[in-house]
Structures are given as structure tokens and as C-alpha cells.
Protein backbone atom coordinates (compact mmCIF):
# COMPACT_ATOMS: atom_id res chain seq x y z
CA MET A 1 0.18 -0.16 0.28
CA ASP A 2 0.85 3.81 -1.00
CA THR A 3 2.15 5.62 2.25
CA THR A 4 0.60 9.01 0.89
CA VAL A 5 -2.39 9.46 -1.85
CA MET A 6 -1.18 10.22 -5.01
CA LEU A 7 -3.49 11.34 -8.32
CA GLY A 8 -3.43 7.98 -9.33
CA HIS A 9 -5.94 7.01 -6.66
CA GLY A 10 -8.26 8.98 -8.02
CA SER A 11 -8.35 7.77 -11.96
CA GLY A 12 -10.66 4.82 -11.80
CA GLY A 13 -7.47 2.34 -12.08
CA THR A 14 -5.96 0.04 -10.58
CA MET A 15 -4.56 2.51 -7.81
CA MET A 16 -8.03 3.57 -7.61
CA LYS A 17 -9.25 -0.27 -6.98
CA ARG A 18 -6.52 -0.21 -4.41
CA ILE A 19 -7.30 2.64 -2.20
CA ILE A 20 -11.08 1.61 -2.15
CA ASP A 21 -10.11 -1.82 -1.04
CA GLU A 22 -7.58 -1.55 1.39
CA VAL A 23 -8.81 1.49 3.19
CA PHE A 24 -12.55 2.53 2.65
CA PHE A 25 -13.84 -0.86 2.28
CA ALA A 26 -11.44 -2.73 5.38
CA ALA A 27 -12.69 0.18 7.30
CA TYR A 28 -16.59 -0.14 6.99
CA ALA A 29 -17.73 -1.44 4.14
CA GLY A 30 -21.09 -4.07 4.40
CA GLU A 31 -22.82 -5.89 2.28
CA GLU A 32 -24.21 -3.17 0.40
CA LEU A 33 -20.59 -1.46 -0.48
CA LEU A 34 -19.16 -4.57 -0.73
CA ARG A 35 -20.78 -5.28 -4.30
CA GLY A 36 -18.68 -2.34 -5.67
CA ASP A 37 -22.18 -0.76 -7.64
CA ASP A 38 -22.53 2.86 -8.79
CA ALA A 39 -25.58 2.25 -6.66
CA ALA A 40 -26.61 0.62 -3.50
CA VAL A 41 -30.00 -0.97 -3.28
CA LEU A 42 -31.51 -0.68 -0.04
CA SER A 43 -34.59 -1.88 1.38
CA ALA A 44 -37.47 0.42 0.86
CA PRO A 45 -39.57 2.01 3.93
CA ALA A 46 -42.71 -0.36 5.21
CA GLN A 47 -46.30 1.40 4.53
CA GLY A 48 -46.82 4.22 5.93
CA GLU A 49 -43.19 5.47 6.87
CA ARG A 50 -41.54 8.32 4.70
CA LEU A 51 -38.32 9.29 4.20
CA ALA A 52 -35.66 11.53 5.46
CA PHE A 53 -32.84 13.30 3.77
CA SER A 54 -29.37 15.05 4.52
CA THR A 55 -26.84 16.05 3.15
CA ASP A 56 -23.47 17.55 4.95
CA SER A 57 -19.38 18.43 3.60
CA PHE A 58 -16.85 19.06 6.63
CA VAL A 59 -13.58 21.10 5.86
CA VAL A 60 -12.36 21.39 9.48
CA THR A 61 -8.70 22.27 10.44
CA PRO A 62 -7.20 20.24 12.36
CA HIS A 63 -8.13 17.26 10.89
CA PHE A 64 -7.89 15.51 14.39
CA PHE A 65 -8.02 17.13 17.77
CA PRO A 66 -9.31 16.40 21.34
CA GLY A 67 -12.79 14.25 21.23
CA GLY A 68 -12.47 13.39 17.33
CA ASP A 69 -11.74 13.83 14.03
CA ILE A 70 -13.05 14.76 10.32
CA GLY A 71 -14.24 11.61 10.28
CA ARG A 72 -16.09 11.25 13.45
CA LEU A 73 -18.07 14.85 12.65
CA ALA A 74 -18.89 13.75 9.26
CA VAL A 75 -20.84 10.57 10.29
CA CYS A 76 -22.35 12.70 13.59
CA GLY A 77 -23.38 15.34 12.03
CA THR A 78 -25.22 13.80 8.84
CA VAL A 79 -27.00 11.39 11.46
CA ASN A 80 -27.92 14.38 13.99
CA ASP A 81 -29.33 16.37 11.08
CA VAL A 82 -31.55 12.84 9.89
CA ALA A 83 -32.38 12.45 13.13
CA THR A 84 -33.77 15.54 14.08
CA SER A 85 -36.67 15.65 11.72
CA GLY A 86 -37.49 12.35 13.99
CA ALA A 87 -36.36 10.16 11.42
CA THR A 88 -34.30 6.81 12.56
CA PRO A 89 -31.08 7.30 10.14
CA ARG A 90 -30.39 3.96 8.43
CA TYR A 91 -28.18 4.90 5.76
CA LEU A 92 -24.95 7.07 4.58
CA SER A 93 -22.80 7.55 1.65
CA CYS A 94 -19.31 9.22 2.10
CA GLY A 95 -17.42 11.50 -0.51
CA PHE A 96 -13.97 12.21 -0.03
CA VAL A 97 -11.83 14.88 -1.64
CA LEU A 98 -8.15 13.94 -1.09
CA GLU A 99 -4.84 16.24 -1.70
CA GLU A 100 -2.28 14.67 -3.54
CA GLY A 101 0.34 13.82 -0.52
CA PHE A 102 -1.86 13.34 2.24
CA PRO A 103 -0.81 10.08 4.54
CA ILE A 104 -2.33 7.11 3.86
CA GLU A 105 -2.02 6.17 7.98
CA ASP A 106 -4.00 9.13 8.50
CA LEU A 107 -6.90 8.24 6.12
CA LYS A 108 -7.09 5.22 7.61
CA ARG A 109 -7.58 6.64 10.96
CA ILE A 110 -10.01 8.73 9.52
CA CYS A 111 -12.12 5.99 8.19
CA ALA A 112 -11.22 3.64 11.73
CA SER A 113 -12.95 6.63 13.09
CA MET A 114 -16.34 6.83 10.79
CA ALA A 115 -16.93 3.02 10.87
CA GLU A 116 -16.96 3.12 14.85
CA VAL A 117 -19.25 6.25 15.50
CA ALA A 118 -21.46 4.83 12.37
CA LYS A 119 -21.55 1.21 14.36
CA GLU A 120 -22.59 3.18 17.74
CA ALA A 121 -25.53 5.48 15.61
CA GLY A 122 -26.58 2.40 13.82
CA VAL A 123 -26.20 2.95 10.58
CA HIS A 124 -24.46 1.70 7.21
CA LEU A 125 -21.97 3.25 4.96
CA VAL A 126 -23.52 2.25 1.86
CA THR A 127 -21.85 4.10 -1.16
CA GLY A 128 -19.46 6.78 -1.71
CA ASP A 129 -17.03 7.98 -3.57
CA THR A 130 -13.09 9.74 -4.15
CA LYS A 131 -11.40 12.41 -5.89
CA VAL A 132 -8.00 13.39 -5.88
CA VAL A 133 -6.92 16.90 -6.48
CA ASN A 134 -3.11 18.06 -7.02
CA ARG A 135 -0.81 19.27 -4.12
CA GLY A 136 -1.42 22.75 -3.18
CA HIS A 137 -4.97 22.59 -4.27
CA GLY A 138 -6.82 21.32 -1.47
CA ASP A 139 -5.55 20.55 2.36
CA GLY A 140 -5.44 17.50 3.08
CA VAL A 141 -9.32 16.15 3.26
CA TYR A 142 -12.44 17.44 2.54
CA VAL A 143 -15.61 14.31 3.20
CA ASN A 144 -18.74 14.75 2.23
CA THR A 145 -22.14 12.55 3.64
CA ALA A 146 -25.35 12.46 2.78
CA GLY A 147 -27.82 10.49 4.77
CA ILE A 148 -31.23 8.70 4.49
CA GLY A 149 -33.57 7.76 7.56
CA THR A 150 -37.27 6.23 7.49
CA LEU A 151 -40.05 8.14 9.74
CA ARG A 152 -42.79 6.94 10.95
CA GLU A 153 -46.41 8.04 10.09
CA GLY A 154 -47.40 10.47 12.43
CA VAL A 155 -44.23 12.37 13.06
CA ASN A 156 -44.10 16.16 12.16
CA LEU A 157 -41.29 18.00 13.70
CA GLY A 158 -40.20 21.07 12.92
CA GLY A 159 -39.43 24.86 13.42
CA ALA A 160 -43.19 26.44 12.56
CA GLN A 161 -44.60 23.93 15.39
CA CYS A 162 -43.12 25.60 18.48
CA LYS A 163 -46.31 27.84 20.59
CA PRO A 164 -46.19 29.96 23.35
CA GLY A 165 -45.70 28.48 26.54
CA ASP A 166 -43.70 25.36 25.37
CA LYS A 167 -40.30 25.12 26.62
CA VAL A 168 -37.01 25.22 25.27
CA LEU A 169 -33.96 22.72 26.31
CA VAL A 170 -30.52 21.65 25.34
CA SER A 171 -28.90 18.66 26.11
CA GLY A 172 -25.45 19.05 27.37
CA THR A 173 -22.73 21.85 28.14
CA LEU A 174 -22.37 25.01 25.03
CA GLY A 175 -19.35 25.56 22.93
CA ASP A 176 -17.30 22.28 23.26
CA HIS A 177 -16.30 22.02 19.74
CA GLY A 178 -15.71 25.33 18.55
CA ILE A 179 -13.44 26.63 21.61
CA THR A 180 -11.72 22.58 21.13
CA ILE A 181 -11.17 23.39 17.47
CA MET A 182 -9.83 27.03 18.29
CA SER A 183 -7.62 26.09 21.19
CA CYS A 184 -5.93 23.81 18.95
CA ARG A 185 -5.90 25.72 15.40
CA GLU A 186 -4.20 28.38 17.85
CA SER A 187 -2.09 26.16 20.08
CA LEU A 188 -3.85 27.47 23.15
CA SER A 189 -3.58 25.64 26.61
CA PHE A 190 -5.96 25.64 29.42
CA LYS A 191 -5.73 24.33 32.61
CA ALA A 192 -8.94 22.26 32.40
CA ASP A 193 -8.68 19.39 29.28
CA LEU A 194 -10.93 20.78 26.33
CA GLN A 195 -12.74 18.35 24.29
CA SER A 196 -14.92 18.24 21.35
CA ASP A 197 -18.72 17.02 21.70
CA ALA A 198 -19.30 15.31 18.77
CA ALA A 199 -21.89 12.84 19.08
CA PRO A 200 -24.54 11.22 17.59
CA LEU A 201 -27.65 12.21 18.88
CA ASN A 202 -30.29 9.84 17.11
CA HIS A 203 -30.68 7.24 20.15
CA LEU A 204 -31.70 10.42 22.37
CA ILE A 205 -33.93 12.33 20.02
CA ALA A 206 -35.53 8.83 20.01
CA GLU A 207 -35.61 8.04 24.03
CA VAL A 208 -36.81 11.90 24.10
CA LEU A 209 -39.79 11.37 21.26
CA ALA A 210 -41.11 8.37 23.21
CA ALA A 211 -41.02 10.18 26.76
CA ALA A 212 -42.50 13.23 25.44
CA PRO A 213 -44.92 13.06 22.87
CA GLY A 214 -45.51 16.78 22.88
CA THR A 215 -41.71 17.32 21.46
CA ARG A 216 -42.11 20.13 18.49
CA CYS A 217 -38.97 20.07 17.05
CA PHE A 218 -35.24 19.34 17.65
CA ARG A 219 -32.32 21.43 16.23
CA ASP A 220 -28.76 20.60 16.36
CA PRO A 221 -26.96 24.37 17.22
CA THR A 222 -23.57 23.98 15.33
CA ARG A 223 -22.43 27.35 13.14
CA GLY A 224 -23.86 30.29 14.95
CA GLY A 225 -24.76 28.55 17.95
CA LEU A 226 -27.57 28.11 20.10
CA ALA A 227 -28.12 32.00 19.78
CA SER A 228 -28.47 31.47 15.95
CA THR A 229 -30.64 28.12 16.10
CA LEU A 230 -33.41 30.03 18.62
CA ASN A 231 -33.60 32.83 16.60
CA GLU A 232 -34.29 30.44 12.86
CA LEU A 233 -37.15 28.41 15.71
CA ALA A 234 -38.39 31.78 16.28
CA SER A 235 -38.51 32.86 12.69
CA GLN A 236 -40.05 30.16 11.38
CA SER A 237 -42.67 29.69 14.44
CA GLY A 238 -43.94 33.70 14.43
CA THR A 239 -42.99 33.20 18.19
CA ASP A 240 -40.86 35.17 20.46
CA ILE A 241 -38.17 32.74 22.74
CA THR A 242 -36.69 34.09 26.37
CA VAL A 243 -33.39 32.31 27.38
CA GLU A 244 -32.59 32.05 31.33
CA GLU A 245 -28.66 33.02 31.40
CA ASP A 246 -28.12 31.54 34.71
CA ALA A 247 -29.94 28.51 33.27
CA VAL A 248 -28.05 27.63 30.30
CA PRO A 249 -24.83 24.75 30.93
CA VAL A 250 -21.20 26.43 30.13
CA LYS A 251 -18.46 24.15 31.70
CA PRO A 252 -16.27 26.98 33.14
CA ALA A 253 -13.11 26.00 31.09
CA VAL A 254 -15.42 26.76 28.34
CA GLN A 255 -16.83 30.23 29.65
CA GLY A 256 -12.95 31.40 30.53
CA ALA A 257 -11.88 30.71 26.98
CA CYS A 258 -14.59 32.84 25.29
CA ASP A 259 -14.11 35.79 28.36
CA MET A 260 -10.39 35.71 27.18
CA LEU A 261 -10.79 35.25 23.79
CA GLY A 262 -14.11 37.99 23.59
CA TYR A 263 -16.20 35.28 22.36
CA ASP A 264 -20.66 35.02 23.38
CA VAL A 265 -20.44 31.41 24.08
CA LEU A 266 -23.98 31.01 23.02
CA GLN A 267 -22.76 31.75 19.34
CA VAL A 268 -20.09 29.45 19.73
CA ALA A 269 -20.68 25.83 17.57
CA ASN A 270 -21.58 22.95 19.08
CA GLU A 271 -21.45 19.57 17.56
CA GLY A 272 -23.08 16.69 20.17
CA LYS A 273 -25.63 19.07 21.42
CA MET A 274 -29.81 19.46 20.52
CA VAL A 275 -31.77 22.16 21.43
CA CYS A 276 -35.00 20.62 22.00
CA VAL A 277 -38.76 22.59 22.09
CA VAL A 278 -41.24 20.52 23.92
CA ALA A 279 -45.23 21.54 25.42
CA PRO A 280 -45.01 22.47 28.64
CA GLU A 281 -46.62 19.57 30.02
CA ASP A 282 -43.82 17.68 28.49
CA ALA A 283 -40.81 19.00 29.38
CA ASP A 284 -40.03 17.34 32.57
CA ALA A 285 -40.40 14.26 30.93
CA ALA A 286 -38.29 14.77 28.37
CA LEU A 287 -35.83 16.46 30.72
CA ALA A 288 -35.65 12.88 32.38
CA ALA A 289 -35.09 10.86 28.99
CA MET A 290 -32.25 13.57 28.03
CA ARG A 291 -30.30 12.59 30.99
CA ALA A 292 -30.72 9.18 30.82
CA ASN A 293 -28.39 9.53 27.61
CA LYS A 294 -25.10 9.24 28.52
CA TYR A 295 -24.88 12.39 25.54
CA GLY A 296 -27.55 14.11 28.12
CA ALA A 297 -26.11 14.09 31.47
CA ASP A 298 -25.78 17.88 31.68
CA ALA A 299 -28.92 18.92 29.87
CA ALA A 300 -31.85 21.56 31.03
CA ILE A 301 -34.66 23.57 30.78
CA ILE A 302 -33.42 27.40 29.68
CA GLY A 303 -35.95 29.11 28.35
CA GLU A 304 -39.78 29.60 27.12
CA VAL A 305 -41.86 30.32 24.39
CA SER A 306 -43.94 33.62 23.81
CA GLU A 307 -46.35 35.70 21.64
CA ALA A 308 -44.38 37.71 19.50
CA GLN A 309 -45.46 41.62 18.98
CA PRO A 310 -46.82 41.83 15.32
CA GLU A 311 -45.12 45.14 14.76
CA ARG A 312 -41.54 44.39 14.87
CA GLY A 313 -41.44 40.51 14.51
CA SER A 314 -39.92 37.90 16.16
CA LYS A 315 -37.20 38.29 18.41
CA VAL A 316 -35.27 35.92 20.73
CA PHE A 317 -34.58 37.22 24.55
CA LEU A 318 -31.96 36.31 26.92
CA ARG A 319 -32.47 37.35 30.58
CA THR A 320 -29.17 37.88 31.90
CA ALA A 321 -27.87 36.93 36.00
CA PHE A 322 -28.01 40.34 36.64
CA GLY A 323 -31.70 40.57 36.18
CA GLY A 324 -31.20 42.47 33.02
CA THR A 325 -32.88 41.15 29.52
CA ARG A 326 -31.02 41.62 26.17
CA ILE A 327 -31.87 40.66 22.52
CA LEU A 328 -30.04 37.54 21.73
CA ASP A 329 -29.10 38.04 17.82
CA MET A 330 -27.91 35.68 14.61
CA LEU A 331 -23.91 35.60 14.80
CA VAL A 332 -22.89 38.25 11.99
CA GLY A 333 -20.03 37.11 10.06
CA GLU A 334 -17.89 34.22 10.25
CA GLN A 335 -16.70 33.81 14.63
CA LEU A 336 -14.47 30.54 14.10
CA PRO A 337 -13.93 29.78 10.49
CA ARG A 338 -13.66 26.11 9.62
CA ILE A 339 -15.28 24.30 12.67
CA CYS A 340 -16.96 21.49 10.90
């Protein structure tokens, strides 16, 4: 096996077959992928089920960081996007854009990480693609994943479903991923270890839906963080949302890093957290379901949905620890480049 990626690995010939067989197939190929066809043949949904479909691309730098790598991020990101609809993620595709000279051992490490988290999530990597670009024309590796899930009849989640009186929950501490990536990129050191929160949350979502049938929607607060996510939900539903600052879970090390760097932790990216809006009578059940899952131990009820004033439109408010209230805006511009 070659030690670095070469242009021939994207040529469609014997070198490409070798990298597919010895890297991708060796790491995560199942029955569908091993057939080697141009399209995977998959089981159709049962009667009454629907399909949920999502796709995402990942360009994070560095490729490896505490708590994960670009491969784990790619699988978790697409699994979570599909699961926010209430669907059960089933199948993933994976496309690699590799730069000539990228170490094969690093590629194997990424693929092994993808296989591990796909197994945890219960999804199958069933088809993919590989392209190689000239040295200096990429950043080592970019990954695209697309996911398909099955959605049972009667499940209808979405931001437009939020209603006044509903409660807003988060599944854990905020800002972990964005600050971890920044600390790695800038070689910053902190007394406490920082680690990305990248995680597959499809099982947590299924457990919340089982416990809280009045769940309105899920949304993963990735780029733009909690602030941007809540503004999106408020706009979709034509409501206001008020968040209690003291109720938002944040690790002291992350808050300290944000204070030092001048970031608002509510605008920092997360890759293993979920925002959930539920009917008020189901809030406690949803919270208990989150906390029973290993990825939701720090879950909290952080706010409430209310009527918006028609003359000014939907707003998100933060009730501060000092008793004041301020508008919580969406992120403007790019705060943390290349975080996913």
C-alpha cells in the first residue's frame, strides 16, 4: 500500500481500486458497499413510513482534535441532521476529496473513526466516491456525507410547530466543540482539558420522542451556536423565545476561554448537542429522557416560547444573571472559521 495519496488514486484504475479495497472497504464496508456497484440497493420503507434525507460537507482544520476528527464529525453531523426530523437514520454515503500527498495512515485513522461511530449510531455506510486533487489545491481531506432515514407515520417535527408556552431544552454544555477547535488551531493551552462534543444523538432523540409525545422540534446548534438556532426557530414559528442565562449549561473552562477570546458562548458552534422545544406538560419528561442518555447528562430547561409582537416581528431575548434582558442576535459574519 502506498504511504501517501497520489493523483493515481483518483484515476479510476488499479490504484483507485487499491485505495478503495485497502482503506475504505477495510474500514467500514458492509454487504451493500462490497457489491461494488454504482448505486446501493436498499430496502424500501414499510407502508406508512416516509424518508428523511440530508447532506453535509466537512472541511474542519485541524483534521484531528481532542474528542474526535473529521471522520467522526462527518458521520455525527449527518446522523444528527437526519434524526432532528424524528427519523431513524439508516444509510450514509461518503465522498472524499483527497489532496495529493495526504498520508494514507491518517486516512485509515479517519475511516476507522467513521466506522466506530457509524456502528454506535446504527447506520450503514453504503456508497461513496473518491476524488484526488493536485498537491496545494486542497487541505488534505474534505468529506461529504449524505444520510437517509425512515420516518414513521404521524411524526411531524419542525421549527414552525413551536407554540407560546412551550419550553426550550438543551441536551448539555454549550461551546465545547468550537472552543476546542480554536484552542488546537491557535495552540492555546488551558488548565482544564477541552474536548469536542461530537456525538451521534439519534438514540437520545428517539428516547425523548418516546417520553415526550408533545415534542415540537429538534435542532442541532452547530455554526452560529444556540443564538442562531433559537432565532431560526422563532422566525419559523412567528414567536418570541426568552432564555434564562443562569440556566444555560457551560463548562467553566469554555466560559473562561470565551471571556479571554472575546466570544459569546451562545454563538459558538456545537457538534454533539441538541436544542429541543416541547409542550410545557412534557418538559420534565423530555428532560429526564435526555439526562438518562450518556450524551444528555448535563441537559437543562433553559427558556420558554411566547407570543411575538406583530409590529416588530420575532425576537430572542436573554434574561441575564443580573436581572436585565437583552436581545440575543444571530451570529453576524464568521466567528470561528472551519469548525466543521
